[in-house]
Amino acid sequence: MILTPDDIPAINRYFPATDINSMRFLTHDRDKLVLYLARVNELSITEASEQLDLLIAVRPTENLQHAG
């Protein structure tokens, strides 16, 4: 499964304080998000990390705290 900008509201529900697009979140928060995405989408950790990077690139200016 490939992540899309439509996944932002779901991510926001599980990580409401994560400001992913500004990259101001702590490394362990990103790691938890990658693990979550890997688990729910049945991806490897590497695949989930790459998908998260792609999702960030698609929405570079939107703060997840205010999405959806």
PDB file of N, CA and C in Angstrom:
ATOM      1  N   MET A   1       0.846  -1.180   0.000  1.00  0.00           N
ATOM      2  CA  MET A   1       0.000   0.000   0.000  1.00  0.00           C
ATOM      3  C   MET A   1       0.887   1.237   0.000  1.00  0.00           C
ATOM      4  N   ILE A   2       0.574   2.185  -0.837  1.00  0.00           N
ATOM      5  CA  ILE A   2       1.338   3.428  -0.916  1.00  0.00           C
ATOM      6  C   ILE A   2       0.576   4.518  -0.177  1.00  0.00           C
ATOM      7  N   LEU A   3       1.285   5.238   0.659  1.00  0.00           N
ATOM      8  CA  LEU A   3       0.663   6.334   1.397  1.00  0.00           C
ATOM      9  C   LEU A   3       0.386   7.503   0.470  1.00  0.00           C
ATOM     10  N   THR A   4      -0.704   8.187   0.726  1.00  0.00           N
ATOM     11  CA  THR A   4      -1.066   9.367  -0.059  1.00  0.00           C
ATOM     12  C   THR A   4      -1.418  10.493   0.909  1.00  0.00           C
ATOM     13  N   PRO A   5      -1.580  11.717   0.389  1.00  0.00           N
ATOM     14  CA  PRO A   5      -2.010  12.810   1.271  1.00  0.00           C
ATOM     15  C   PRO A   5      -3.333  12.514   1.985  1.00  0.00           C
ATOM     16  N   ASP A   6      -4.134  11.620   1.428  1.00  0.00           N
ATOM     17  CA  ASP A   6      -5.390  11.242   2.077  1.00  0.00           C
ATOM     18  C   ASP A   6      -5.152  10.509   3.395  1.00  0.00           C
ATOM     19  N   ASP A   7      -3.939  10.001   3.592  1.00  0.00           N
ATOM     20  CA  ASP A   7      -3.612   9.305   4.836  1.00  0.00           C
ATOM     21  C   ASP A   7      -3.328  10.267   5.980  1.00  0.00           C
ATOM     22  N   ILE A   8      -3.143  11.542   5.696  1.00  0.00           N
ATOM     23  CA  ILE A   8      -2.782  12.512   6.728  1.00  0.00           C
ATOM     24  C   ILE A   8      -3.805  12.547   7.869  1.00  0.00           C
ATOM     25  N   PRO A   9      -5.116  12.587   7.614  1.00  0.00           N
ATOM     26  CA  PRO A   9      -6.055  12.606   8.742  1.00  0.00           C
ATOM     27  C   PRO A   9      -5.918  11.382   9.651  1.00  0.00           C
ATOM     28  N   ALA A  10      -5.698  10.205   9.072  1.00  0.00           N
ATOM     29  CA  ALA A  10      -5.534   8.997   9.882  1.00  0.00           C
ATOM     30  C   ALA A  10      -4.257   9.075  10.702  1.00  0.00           C
ATOM     31  N   ILE A  11      -3.189   9.543  10.094  1.00  0.00           N
ATOM     32  CA  ILE A  11      -1.930   9.701  10.820  1.00  0.00           C
ATOM     33  C   ILE A  11      -2.123  10.715  11.939  1.00  0.00           C
ATOM     34  N   ASN A  12      -2.816  11.791  11.635  1.00  0.00           N
ATOM     35  CA  ASN A  12      -3.044  12.841  12.621  1.00  0.00           C
ATOM     36  C   ASN A  12      -3.814  12.321  13.835  1.00  0.00           C
ATOM     37  N   ARG A  13      -4.745  11.396  13.623  1.00  0.00           N
ATOM     38  CA  ARG A  13      -5.508  10.821  14.737  1.00  0.00           C
ATOM     39  C   ARG A  13      -4.590  10.079  15.706  1.00  0.00           C
ATOM     40  N   TYR A  14      -3.620   9.371  15.172  1.00  0.00           N
ATOM     41  CA  TYR A  14      -2.732   8.580  16.022  1.00  0.00           C
ATOM     42  C   TYR A  14      -1.552   9.371  16.558  1.00  0.00           C
ATOM     43  N   PHE A  15      -1.180  10.426  15.865  1.00  0.00           N
ATOM     44  CA  PHE A  15      -0.032  11.241  16.260  1.00  0.00           C
ATOM     45  C   PHE A  15      -0.421  12.708  16.238  1.00  0.00           C
ATOM     46  N   PRO A  16      -1.356  13.136  17.101  1.00  0.00           N
ATOM     47  CA  PRO A  16      -1.904  14.487  17.021  1.00  0.00           C
ATOM     48  C   PRO A  16      -0.905  15.600  17.290  1.00  0.00           C
ATOM     49  N   ALA A  17       0.175  15.318  17.991  1.00  0.00           N
ATOM     50  CA  ALA A  17       1.128  16.379  18.306  1.00  0.00           C
ATOM     51  C   ALA A  17       2.327  16.377  17.363  1.00  0.00           C
ATOM     52  N   THR A  18       2.285  15.562  16.337  1.00  0.00           N
ATOM     53  CA  THR A  18       3.432  15.434  15.441  1.00  0.00           C
ATOM     54  C   THR A  18       3.336  16.437  14.301  1.00  0.00           C
ATOM     55  N   ASP A  19       4.302  17.316  14.237  1.00  0.00           N
ATOM     56  CA  ASP A  19       4.364  18.308  13.167  1.00  0.00           C
ATOM     57  C   ASP A  19       5.318  17.776  12.103  1.00  0.00           C
ATOM     58  N   ILE A  20       4.830  16.805  11.346  1.00  0.00           N
ATOM     59  CA  ILE A  20       5.692  16.094  10.410  1.00  0.00           C
ATOM     60  C   ILE A  20       6.227  16.984   9.302  1.00  0.00           C
ATOM     61  N   ASN A  21       5.388  17.788   8.710  1.00  0.00           N
ATOM     62  CA  ASN A  21       5.817  18.503   7.520  1.00  0.00           C
ATOM     63  C   ASN A  21       6.848  19.581   7.790  1.00  0.00           C
ATOM     64  N   SER A  22       6.900  20.106   8.994  1.00  0.00           N
ATOM     65  CA  SER A  22       7.932  21.089   9.304  1.00  0.00           C
ATOM     66  C   SER A  22       9.177  20.405   9.855  1.00  0.00           C
ATOM     67  N   MET A  23       9.089  19.076  10.055  1.00  0.00           N
ATOM     68  CA  MET A  23      10.213  18.281  10.542  1.00  0.00           C
ATOM     69  C   MET A  23      10.682  18.741  11.919  1.00  0.00           C
ATOM     70  N   ARG A  24       9.777  19.297  12.734  1.00  0.00           N
ATOM     71  CA  ARG A  24      10.132  19.747  14.073  1.00  0.00           C
ATOM     72  C   ARG A  24       9.806  18.709  15.138  1.00  0.00           C
ATOM     73  N   PHE A  25       9.605  17.484  14.730  1.00  0.00           N
ATOM     74  CA  PHE A  25       9.285  16.462  15.705  1.00  0.00           C
ATOM     75  C   PHE A  25      10.551  15.688  16.061  1.00  0.00           C
ATOM     76  N   LEU A  26      10.539  15.064  17.204  1.00  0.00           N
ATOM     77  CA  LEU A  26      11.706  14.327  17.674  1.00  0.00           C
ATOM     78  C   LEU A  26      11.896  13.040  16.889  1.00  0.00           C
ATOM     79  N   THR A  27      13.133  12.596  16.814  1.00  0.00           N
ATOM     80  CA  THR A  27      13.445  11.378  16.067  1.00  0.00           C
ATOM     81  C   THR A  27      12.623  10.196  16.559  1.00  0.00           C
ATOM     82  N   HIS A  28      12.460  10.055  17.880  1.00  0.00           N
ATOM     83  CA  HIS A  28      11.704   8.896  18.369  1.00  0.00           C
ATOM     84  C   HIS A  28      10.238   8.985  17.969  1.00  0.00           C
ATOM     85  N   ASP A  29       9.700  10.192  17.795  1.00  0.00           N
ATOM     86  CA  ASP A  29       8.325  10.330  17.318  1.00  0.00           C
ATOM     87  C   ASP A  29       8.216   9.844  15.877  1.00  0.00           C
ATOM     88  N   ARG A  30       9.195  10.192  15.061  1.00  0.00           N
ATOM     89  CA  ARG A  30       9.197   9.739  13.672  1.00  0.00           C
ATOM     90  C   ARG A  30       9.339   8.218  13.632  1.00  0.00           C
ATOM     91  N   ASP A  31      10.205   7.687  14.484  1.00  0.00           N
ATOM     92  CA  ASP A  31      10.394   6.240  14.525  1.00  0.00           C
ATOM     93  C   ASP A  31       9.097   5.527  14.895  1.00  0.00           C
ATOM     94  N   LYS A  32       8.366   6.073  15.869  1.00  0.00           N
ATOM     95  CA  LYS A  32       7.083   5.472  16.255  1.00  0.00           C
ATOM     96  C   LYS A  32       6.099   5.529  15.093  1.00  0.00           C
ATOM     97  N   LEU A  33       6.101   6.633  14.366  1.00  0.00           N
ATOM     98  CA  LEU A  33       5.197   6.768  13.228  1.00  0.00           C
ATOM     99  C   LEU A  33       5.569   5.774  12.134  1.00  0.00           C
ATOM    100  N   VAL A  34       6.847   5.609  11.860  1.00  0.00           N
ATOM    101  CA  VAL A  34       7.287   4.635  10.855  1.00  0.00           C
ATOM    102  C   VAL A  34       6.858   3.226  11.269  1.00  0.00           C
ATOM    103  N   LEU A  35       7.042   2.888  12.538  1.00  0.00           N
ATOM    104  CA  LEU A  35       6.627   1.563  13.011  1.00  0.00           C
ATOM    105  C   LEU A  35       5.121   1.371  12.868  1.00  0.00           C
ATOM    106  N   TYR A  36       4.358   2.400  13.203  1.00  0.00           N
ATOM    107  CA  TYR A  36       2.900   2.331  13.056  1.00  0.00           C
ATOM    108  C   TYR A  36       2.513   2.115  11.593  1.00  0.00           C
ATOM    109  N   LEU A  37       3.101   2.912  10.703  1.00  0.00           N
ATOM    110  CA  LEU A  37       2.779   2.797   9.284  1.00  0.00           C
ATOM    111  C   LEU A  37       3.178   1.434   8.737  1.00  0.00           C
ATOM    112  N   ALA A  38       4.310   0.924   9.179  1.00  0.00           N
ATOM    113  CA  ALA A  38       4.748  -0.398   8.732  1.00  0.00           C
ATOM    114  C   ALA A  38       3.748  -1.466   9.169  1.00  0.00           C
ATOM    115  N   ARG A  39       3.297  -1.359  10.411  1.00  0.00           N
ATOM    116  CA  ARG A  39       2.375  -2.360  10.949  1.00  0.00           C
ATOM    117  C   ARG A  39       1.024  -2.323  10.238  1.00  0.00           C
ATOM    118  N   VAL A  40       0.416  -1.158  10.131  1.00  0.00           N
ATOM    119  CA  VAL A  40      -0.941  -1.095   9.576  1.00  0.00           C
ATOM    120  C   VAL A  40      -0.973  -1.298   8.069  1.00  0.00           C
ATOM    121  N   ASN A  41       0.128  -1.004   7.391  1.00  0.00           N
ATOM    122  CA  ASN A  41       0.163  -1.153   5.935  1.00  0.00           C
ATOM    123  C   ASN A  41       0.954  -2.373   5.487  1.00  0.00           C
ATOM    124  N   GLU A  42       1.386  -3.195   6.456  1.00  0.00           N
ATOM    125  CA  GLU A  42       2.144  -4.412   6.160  1.00  0.00           C
ATOM    126  C   GLU A  42       3.345  -4.117   5.270  1.00  0.00           C
ATOM    127  N   LEU A  43       4.123  -3.124   5.687  1.00  0.00           N
ATOM    128  CA  LEU A  43       5.335  -2.732   4.975  1.00  0.00           C
ATOM    129  C   LEU A  43       6.544  -3.069   5.834  1.00  0.00           C
ATOM    130  N   SER A  44       7.705  -3.147   5.184  1.00  0.00           N
ATOM    131  CA  SER A  44       8.936  -3.248   5.967  1.00  0.00           C
ATOM    132  C   SER A  44       9.214  -1.871   6.569  1.00  0.00           C
ATOM    133  N   ILE A  45      10.100  -1.824   7.547  1.00  0.00           N
ATOM    134  CA  ILE A  45      10.459  -0.545   8.163  1.00  0.00           C
ATOM    135  C   ILE A  45      11.028   0.399   7.102  1.00  0.00           C
ATOM    136  N   THR A  46      11.867  -0.131   6.225  1.00  0.00           N
ATOM    137  CA  THR A  46      12.468   0.693   5.163  1.00  0.00           C
ATOM    138  C   THR A  46      11.396   1.237   4.232  1.00  0.00           C
ATOM    139  N   GLU A  47      10.458   0.379   3.830  1.00  0.00           N
ATOM    140  CA  GLU A  47       9.382   0.824   2.947  1.00  0.00           C
ATOM    141  C   GLU A  47       8.525   1.892   3.618  1.00  0.00           C
ATOM    142  N   ALA A  48       8.198   1.688   4.879  1.00  0.00           N
ATOM    143  CA  ALA A  48       7.379   2.665   5.600  1.00  0.00           C
ATOM    144  C   ALA A  48       8.109   3.995   5.722  1.00  0.00           C
ATOM    145  N   SER A  49       9.395   3.951   5.990  1.00  0.00           N
ATOM    146  CA  SER A  49      10.186   5.177   6.096  1.00  0.00           C
ATOM    147  C   SER A  49      10.223   5.914   4.762  1.00  0.00           C
ATOM    148  N   GLU A  50      10.420   5.166   3.681  1.00  0.00           N
ATOM    149  CA  GLU A  50      10.435   5.775   2.348  1.00  0.00           C
ATOM    150  C   GLU A  50       9.078   6.379   2.010  1.00  0.00           C
ATOM    151  N   GLN A  51       7.998   5.675   2.358  1.00  0.00           N
ATOM    152  CA  GLN A  51       6.659   6.186   2.085  1.00  0.00           C
ATOM    153  C   GLN A  51       6.385   7.454   2.886  1.00  0.00           C
ATOM    154  N   LEU A  52       6.843   7.488   4.130  1.00  0.00           N
ATOM    155  CA  LEU A  52       6.669   8.685   4.949  1.00  0.00           C
ATOM    156  C   LEU A  52       7.423   9.860   4.333  1.00  0.00           C
ATOM    157  N   ASP A  53       8.639   9.610   3.863  1.00  0.00           N
ATOM    158  CA  ASP A  53       9.409  10.665   3.202  1.00  0.00           C
ATOM    159  C   ASP A  53       8.686  11.179   1.963  1.00  0.00           C
ATOM    160  N   LEU A  54       8.082  10.271   1.197  1.00  0.00           N
ATOM    161  CA  LEU A  54       7.329  10.685   0.008  1.00  0.00           C
ATOM    162  C   LEU A  54       6.107  11.510   0.394  1.00  0.00           C
ATOM    163  N   LEU A  55       5.433  11.098   1.448  1.00  0.00           N
ATOM    164  CA  LEU A  55       4.253  11.831   1.909  1.00  0.00           C
ATOM    165  C   LEU A  55       4.635  13.230   2.359  1.00  0.00           C
ATOM    166  N   ILE A  56       5.749  13.355   3.056  1.00  0.00           N
ATOM    167  CA  ILE A  56       6.229  14.665   3.489  1.00  0.00           C
ATOM    168  C   ILE A  56       6.549  15.524   2.277  1.00  0.00           C
ATOM    169  N   ALA A  57       7.160  14.933   1.264  1.00  0.00           N
ATOM    170  CA  ALA A  57       7.527  15.680   0.058  1.00  0.00           C
ATOM    171  C   ALA A  57       6.293  16.188  -0.686  1.00  0.00           C
ATOM    172  N   VAL A  58       5.199  15.428  -0.641  1.00  0.00           N
ATOM    173  CA  VAL A  58       3.972  15.835  -1.330  1.00  0.00           C
ATOM    174  C   VAL A  58       3.340  17.041  -0.659  1.00  0.00           C
ATOM    175  N   ARG A  59       3.421  17.102   0.657  1.00  0.00           N
ATOM    176  CA  ARG A  59       2.798  18.182   1.420  1.00  0.00           C
ATOM    177  C   ARG A  59       3.840  18.916   2.262  1.00  0.00           C
ATOM    178  N   PRO A  60       4.800  19.598   1.657  1.00  0.00           N
ATOM    179  CA  PRO A  60       5.893  20.184   2.438  1.00  0.00           C
ATOM    180  C   PRO A  60       5.488  21.348   3.332  1.00  0.00           C
ATOM    181  N   THR A  61       4.358  21.978   3.072  1.00  0.00           N
ATOM    182  CA  THR A  61       4.010  23.166   3.851  1.00  0.00           C
ATOM    183  C   THR A  61       2.854  22.946   4.810  1.00  0.00           C
ATOM    184  N   GLU A  62       2.220  21.797   4.759  1.00  0.00           N
ATOM    185  CA  GLU A  62       1.043  21.564   5.601  1.00  0.00           C
ATOM    186  C   GLU A  62       1.439  20.925   6.923  1.00  0.00           C
ATOM    187  N   ASN A  63       0.966  21.488   7.986  1.00  0.00           N
ATOM    188  CA  ASN A  63       1.237  20.970   9.318  1.00  0.00           C
ATOM    189  C   ASN A  63       0.177  19.927   9.641  1.00  0.00           C
ATOM    190  N   LEU A  64       0.593  18.721  10.009  1.00  0.00           N
ATOM    191  CA  LEU A  64      -0.368  17.658  10.289  1.00  0.00           C
ATOM    192  C   LEU A  64      -1.302  17.984  11.443  1.00  0.00           C
ATOM    193  N   GLN A  65      -0.884  18.857  12.338  1.00  0.00           N
ATOM    194  CA  GLN A  65      -1.752  19.193  13.460  1.00  0.00           C
ATOM    195  C   GLN A  65      -3.041  19.855  12.984  1.00  0.00           C
ATOM    196  N   HIS A  66      -3.012  20.437  11.815  1.00  0.00           N
ATOM    197  CA  HIS A  66      -4.177  21.156  11.316  1.00  0.00           C
ATOM    198  C   HIS A  66      -4.836  20.449  10.140  1.00  0.00           C
ATOM    199  N   ALA A  67      -4.365  19.266   9.791  1.00  0.00           N
ATOM    200  CA  ALA A  67      -4.935  18.538   8.659  1.00  0.00           C
ATOM    201  C   ALA A  67      -6.160  17.758   9.115  1.00  0.00           C
ATOM    202  N   GLY A  68      -7.144  17.676   8.208  1.00  0.00           N
ATOM    203  CA  GLY A  68      -8.306  16.836   8.423  1.00  0.00           C
ATOM    204  C   GLY A  68      -8.999  17.101   9.691  1.00  0.00           C
TER     205      GLY A  68
END
